[in-house]
Amino acid sequence: MKTSNENTPVIKEISSILADGYLRLKEISGARQSAAPDGCGDSQNEE
C-alpha cells in the first residue's frame, strides 16, 4: 500500500494543474466571447 500513499501527492498536484488550466481556458474563452460576440447581438440588430 506504499505505492498508493506515494501516488496521492502526485494525483493532487496533477488535479490542481488540470484545474488551473481549466480555469485559464474558461477565462480565455470568456474574454473571446466578450471581445467578439459573434451572432448574438449582430443578428438581433439586423432585424
PDB file of N, CA and C in Angstrom:
ATOM      1  N   MET A   1       0.836  -1.209   0.000  1.00  0.00           N
ATOM      2  CA  MET A   1       0.000   0.000   0.000  1.00  0.00           C
ATOM      3  C   MET A   1       0.873   1.264   0.000  1.00  0.00           C
ATOM      4  N   LYS A   2       2.189   1.068  -0.013  1.00  0.00           N
ATOM      5  CA  LYS A   2       3.068   2.241  -0.027  1.00  0.00           C
ATOM      6  C   LYS A   2       2.911   3.014  -1.331  1.00  0.00           C
ATOM      7  N   THR A   3       2.663   2.286  -2.425  1.00  0.00           N
ATOM      8  CA  THR A   3       2.573   2.952  -3.728  1.00  0.00           C
ATOM      9  C   THR A   3       1.396   3.925  -3.744  1.00  0.00           C
ATOM     10  N   SER A   4       0.264   3.545  -3.170  1.00  0.00           N
ATOM     11  CA  SER A   4      -0.905   4.420  -3.189  1.00  0.00           C
ATOM     12  C   SER A   4      -0.621   5.686  -2.375  1.00  0.00           C
ATOM     13  N   ASN A   5       0.087   5.529  -1.252  1.00  0.00           N
ATOM     14  CA  ASN A   5       0.413   6.693  -0.435  1.00  0.00           C
ATOM     15  C   ASN A   5       1.389   7.607  -1.161  1.00  0.00           C
ATOM     16  N   GLU A   6       2.293   7.023  -1.941  1.00  0.00           N
ATOM     17  CA  GLU A   6       3.266   7.836  -2.669  1.00  0.00           C
ATOM     18  C   GLU A   6       2.606   8.538  -3.852  1.00  0.00           C
ATOM     19  N   ASN A   7       1.585   7.915  -4.420  1.00  0.00           N
ATOM     20  CA  ASN A   7       0.939   8.486  -5.602  1.00  0.00           C
ATOM     21  C   ASN A   7      -0.046   9.592  -5.232  1.00  0.00           C
ATOM     22  N   THR A   8      -0.504   9.628  -3.996  1.00  0.00           N
ATOM     23  CA  THR A   8      -1.524  10.602  -3.609  1.00  0.00           C
ATOM     24  C   THR A   8      -1.079  12.044  -3.859  1.00  0.00           C
ATOM     25  N   PRO A   9       0.108  12.469  -3.416  1.00  0.00           N
ATOM     26  CA  PRO A   9       0.525  13.852  -3.675  1.00  0.00           C
ATOM     27  C   PRO A   9       0.636  14.145  -5.164  1.00  0.00           C
ATOM     28  N   VAL A  10       1.058  13.154  -5.935  1.00  0.00           N
ATOM     29  CA  VAL A  10       1.184  13.351  -7.381  1.00  0.00           C
ATOM     30  C   VAL A  10      -0.192  13.587  -7.983  1.00  0.00           C
ATOM     31  N   ILE A  11      -1.167  12.792  -7.556  1.00  0.00           N
ATOM     32  CA  ILE A  11      -2.533  12.943  -8.074  1.00  0.00           C
ATOM     33  C   ILE A  11      -3.073  14.326  -7.705  1.00  0.00           C
ATOM     34  N   LYS A  12      -2.824  14.765  -6.472  1.00  0.00           N
ATOM     35  CA  LYS A  12      -3.294  16.090  -6.050  1.00  0.00           C
ATOM     36  C   LYS A  12      -2.639  17.175  -6.891  1.00  0.00           C
ATOM     37  N   GLU A  13      -1.340  17.001  -7.165  1.00  0.00           N
ATOM     38  CA  GLU A  13      -0.623  18.005  -7.956  1.00  0.00           C
ATOM     39  C   GLU A  13      -1.180  18.058  -9.370  1.00  0.00           C
ATOM     40  N   ILE A  14      -1.407  16.883  -9.961  1.00  0.00           N
ATOM     41  CA  ILE A  14      -1.937  16.825 -11.327  1.00  0.00           C
ATOM     42  C   ILE A  14      -3.337  17.432 -11.370  1.00  0.00           C
ATOM     43  N   SER A  15      -4.159  17.104 -10.392  1.00  0.00           N
ATOM     44  CA  SER A  15      -5.528  17.622 -10.389  1.00  0.00           C
ATOM     45  C   SER A  15      -5.524  19.141 -10.246  1.00  0.00           C
ATOM     46  N   SER A  16      -4.601  19.666  -9.422  1.00  0.00           N
ATOM     47  CA  SER A  16      -4.534  21.121  -9.261  1.00  0.00           C
ATOM     48  C   SER A  16      -4.077  21.780 -10.549  1.00  0.00           C
ATOM     49  N   ILE A  17      -3.130  21.139 -11.249  1.00  0.00           N
ATOM     50  CA  ILE A  17      -2.649  21.681 -12.525  1.00  0.00           C
ATOM     51  C   ILE A  17      -3.784  21.672 -13.546  1.00  0.00           C
ATOM     52  N   LEU A  18      -4.533  20.571 -13.583  1.00  0.00           N
ATOM     53  CA  LEU A  18      -5.648  20.475 -14.527  1.00  0.00           C
ATOM     54  C   LEU A  18      -6.702  21.527 -14.200  1.00  0.00           C
ATOM     55  N   ALA A  19      -6.977  21.719 -12.918  1.00  0.00           N
ATOM     56  CA  ALA A  19      -7.978  22.709 -12.520  1.00  0.00           C
ATOM     57  C   ALA A  19      -7.519  24.106 -12.916  1.00  0.00           C
ATOM     58  N   ASP A  20      -6.227  24.397 -12.717  1.00  0.00           N
ATOM     59  CA  ASP A  20      -5.694  25.709 -13.074  1.00  0.00           C
ATOM     60  C   ASP A  20      -5.789  25.929 -14.575  1.00  0.00           C
ATOM     61  N   GLY A  21      -5.434  24.910 -15.338  1.00  0.00           N
ATOM     62  CA  GLY A  21      -5.511  25.020 -16.794  1.00  0.00           C
ATOM     63  C   GLY A  21      -6.945  25.204 -17.256  1.00  0.00           C
ATOM     64  N   TYR A  22      -7.880  24.508 -16.596  1.00  0.00           N
ATOM     65  CA  TYR A  22      -9.291  24.627 -16.975  1.00  0.00           C
ATOM     66  C   TYR A  22      -9.797  26.041 -16.704  1.00  0.00           C
ATOM     67  N   LEU A  23      -9.405  26.601 -15.563  1.00  0.00           N
ATOM     68  CA  LEU A  23      -9.833  27.957 -15.238  1.00  0.00           C
ATOM     69  C   LEU A  23      -9.256  28.948 -16.239  1.00  0.00           C
ATOM     70  N   ARG A  24      -8.012  28.721 -16.657  1.00  0.00           N
ATOM     71  CA  ARG A  24      -7.394  29.618 -17.644  1.00  0.00           C
ATOM     72  C   ARG A  24      -8.125  29.526 -18.971  1.00  0.00           C
ATOM     73  N   LEU A  25      -8.495  28.301 -19.360  1.00  0.00           N
ATOM     74  CA  LEU A  25      -9.219  28.126 -20.625  1.00  0.00           C
ATOM     75  C   LEU A  25     -10.570  28.830 -20.558  1.00  0.00           C
ATOM     76  N   LYS A  26     -11.269  28.696 -19.417  1.00  0.00           N
ATOM     77  CA  LYS A  26     -12.561  29.366 -19.264  1.00  0.00           C
ATOM     78  C   LYS A  26     -12.373  30.875 -19.339  1.00  0.00           C
ATOM     79  N   GLU A  27     -11.298  31.374 -18.726  1.00  0.00           N
ATOM     80  CA  GLU A  27     -11.040  32.814 -18.725  1.00  0.00           C
ATOM     81  C   GLU A  27     -10.777  33.301 -20.144  1.00  0.00           C
ATOM     82  N   ILE A  28      -9.977  32.541 -20.897  1.00  0.00           N
ATOM     83  CA  ILE A  28      -9.640  32.926 -22.271  1.00  0.00           C
ATOM     84  C   ILE A  28     -10.895  32.887 -23.139  1.00  0.00           C
ATOM     85  N   SER A  29     -11.678  31.827 -23.025  1.00  0.00           N
ATOM     86  CA  SER A  29     -12.881  31.702 -23.855  1.00  0.00           C
ATOM     87  C   SER A  29     -13.883  32.798 -23.486  1.00  0.00           C
ATOM     88  N   GLY A  30     -13.979  33.119 -22.213  1.00  0.00           N
ATOM     89  CA  GLY A  30     -14.883  34.178 -21.783  1.00  0.00           C
ATOM     90  C   GLY A  30     -14.442  35.527 -22.328  1.00  0.00           C
ATOM     91  N   ALA A  31     -13.131  35.768 -22.345  1.00  0.00           N
ATOM     92  CA  ALA A  31     -12.610  37.028 -22.878  1.00  0.00           C
ATOM     93  C   ALA A  31     -12.888  37.117 -24.370  1.00  0.00           C
ATOM     94  N   ARG A  32     -12.755  35.990 -25.068  1.00  0.00           N
ATOM     95  CA  ARG A  32     -13.022  35.989 -26.508  1.00  0.00           C
ATOM     96  C   ARG A  32     -14.490  36.302 -26.767  1.00  0.00           C
ATOM     97  N   GLN A  33     -15.389  35.721 -25.971  1.00  0.00           N
ATOM     98  CA  GLN A  33     -16.819  35.937 -26.184  1.00  0.00           C
ATOM     99  C   GLN A  33     -17.175  37.401 -25.934  1.00  0.00           C
ATOM    100  N   SER A  34     -16.616  37.997 -24.875  1.00  0.00           N
ATOM    101  CA  SER A  34     -16.949  39.384 -24.565  1.00  0.00           C
ATOM    102  C   SER A  34     -16.328  40.322 -25.590  1.00  0.00           C
ATOM    103  N   ALA A  35     -15.152  39.963 -26.102  1.00  0.00           N
ATOM    104  CA  ALA A  35     -14.460  40.822 -27.067  1.00  0.00           C
ATOM    105  C   ALA A  35     -15.135  40.756 -28.429  1.00  0.00           C
ATOM    106  N   ALA A  36     -15.556  39.567 -28.827  1.00  0.00           N
ATOM    107  CA  ALA A  36     -16.159  39.399 -30.156  1.00  0.00           C
ATOM    108  C   ALA A  36     -17.404  38.529 -30.070  1.00  0.00           C
ATOM    109  N   PRO A  37     -18.552  39.121 -29.715  1.00  0.00           N
ATOM    110  CA  PRO A  37     -19.798  38.346 -29.657  1.00  0.00           C
ATOM    111  C   PRO A  37     -20.329  38.056 -31.052  1.00  0.00           C
ATOM    112  N   ASP A  38     -20.086  36.869 -31.543  1.00  0.00           N
ATOM    113  CA  ASP A  38     -20.489  36.531 -32.913  1.00  0.00           C
ATOM    114  C   ASP A  38     -21.932  36.043 -32.935  1.00  0.00           C
ATOM    115  N   GLY A  39     -22.785  36.726 -33.684  1.00  0.00           N
ATOM    116  CA  GLY A  39     -24.137  36.240 -33.912  1.00  0.00           C
ATOM    117  C   GLY A  39     -25.125  36.670 -32.850  1.00  0.00           C
ATOM    118  N   CYS A  40     -24.698  36.916 -31.628  1.00  0.00           N
ATOM    119  CA  CYS A  40     -25.652  37.206 -30.558  1.00  0.00           C
ATOM    120  C   CYS A  40     -26.325  38.557 -30.788  1.00  0.00           C
ATOM    121  N   GLY A  41     -25.547  39.645 -30.698  1.00  0.00           N
ATOM    122  CA  GLY A  41     -26.138  40.973 -30.824  1.00  0.00           C
ATOM    123  C   GLY A  41     -26.298  41.392 -32.265  1.00  0.00           C
ATOM    124  N   ASP A  42     -25.435  40.894 -33.150  1.00  0.00           N
ATOM    125  CA  ASP A  42     -25.455  41.338 -34.545  1.00  0.00           C
ATOM    126  C   ASP A  42     -26.760  40.931 -35.225  1.00  0.00           C
ATOM    127  N   SER A  43     -27.162  39.669 -35.056  1.00  0.00           N
ATOM    128  CA  SER A  43     -28.350  39.180 -35.761  1.00  0.00           C
ATOM    129  C   SER A  43     -29.591  39.923 -35.259  1.00  0.00           C
ATOM    130  N   GLN A  44     -29.647  40.241 -33.977  1.00  0.00           N
ATOM    131  CA  GLN A  44     -30.809  40.943 -33.441  1.00  0.00           C
ATOM    132  C   GLN A  44     -30.864  42.374 -33.970  1.00  0.00           C
ATOM    133  N   ASN A  45     -29.709  43.001 -34.136  1.00  0.00           N
ATOM    134  CA  ASN A  45     -29.683  44.376 -34.628  1.00  0.00           C
ATOM    135  C   ASN A  45     -30.113  44.446 -36.081  1.00  0.00           C
ATOM    136  N   GLU A  46     -29.793  43.410 -36.852  1.00  0.00           N
ATOM    137  CA  GLU A  46     -30.172  43.413 -38.266  1.00  0.00           C
ATOM    138  C   GLU A  46     -31.688  43.355 -38.409  1.00  0.00           C
ATOM    139  N   GLU A  47     -32.346  42.598 -37.542  1.00  0.00           N
ATOM    140  CA  GLU A  47     -33.800  42.521 -37.602  1.00  0.00           C
ATOM    141  C   GLU A  47     -34.396  43.822 -37.079  1.00  0.00           C
TER     142      GLU A  47
END
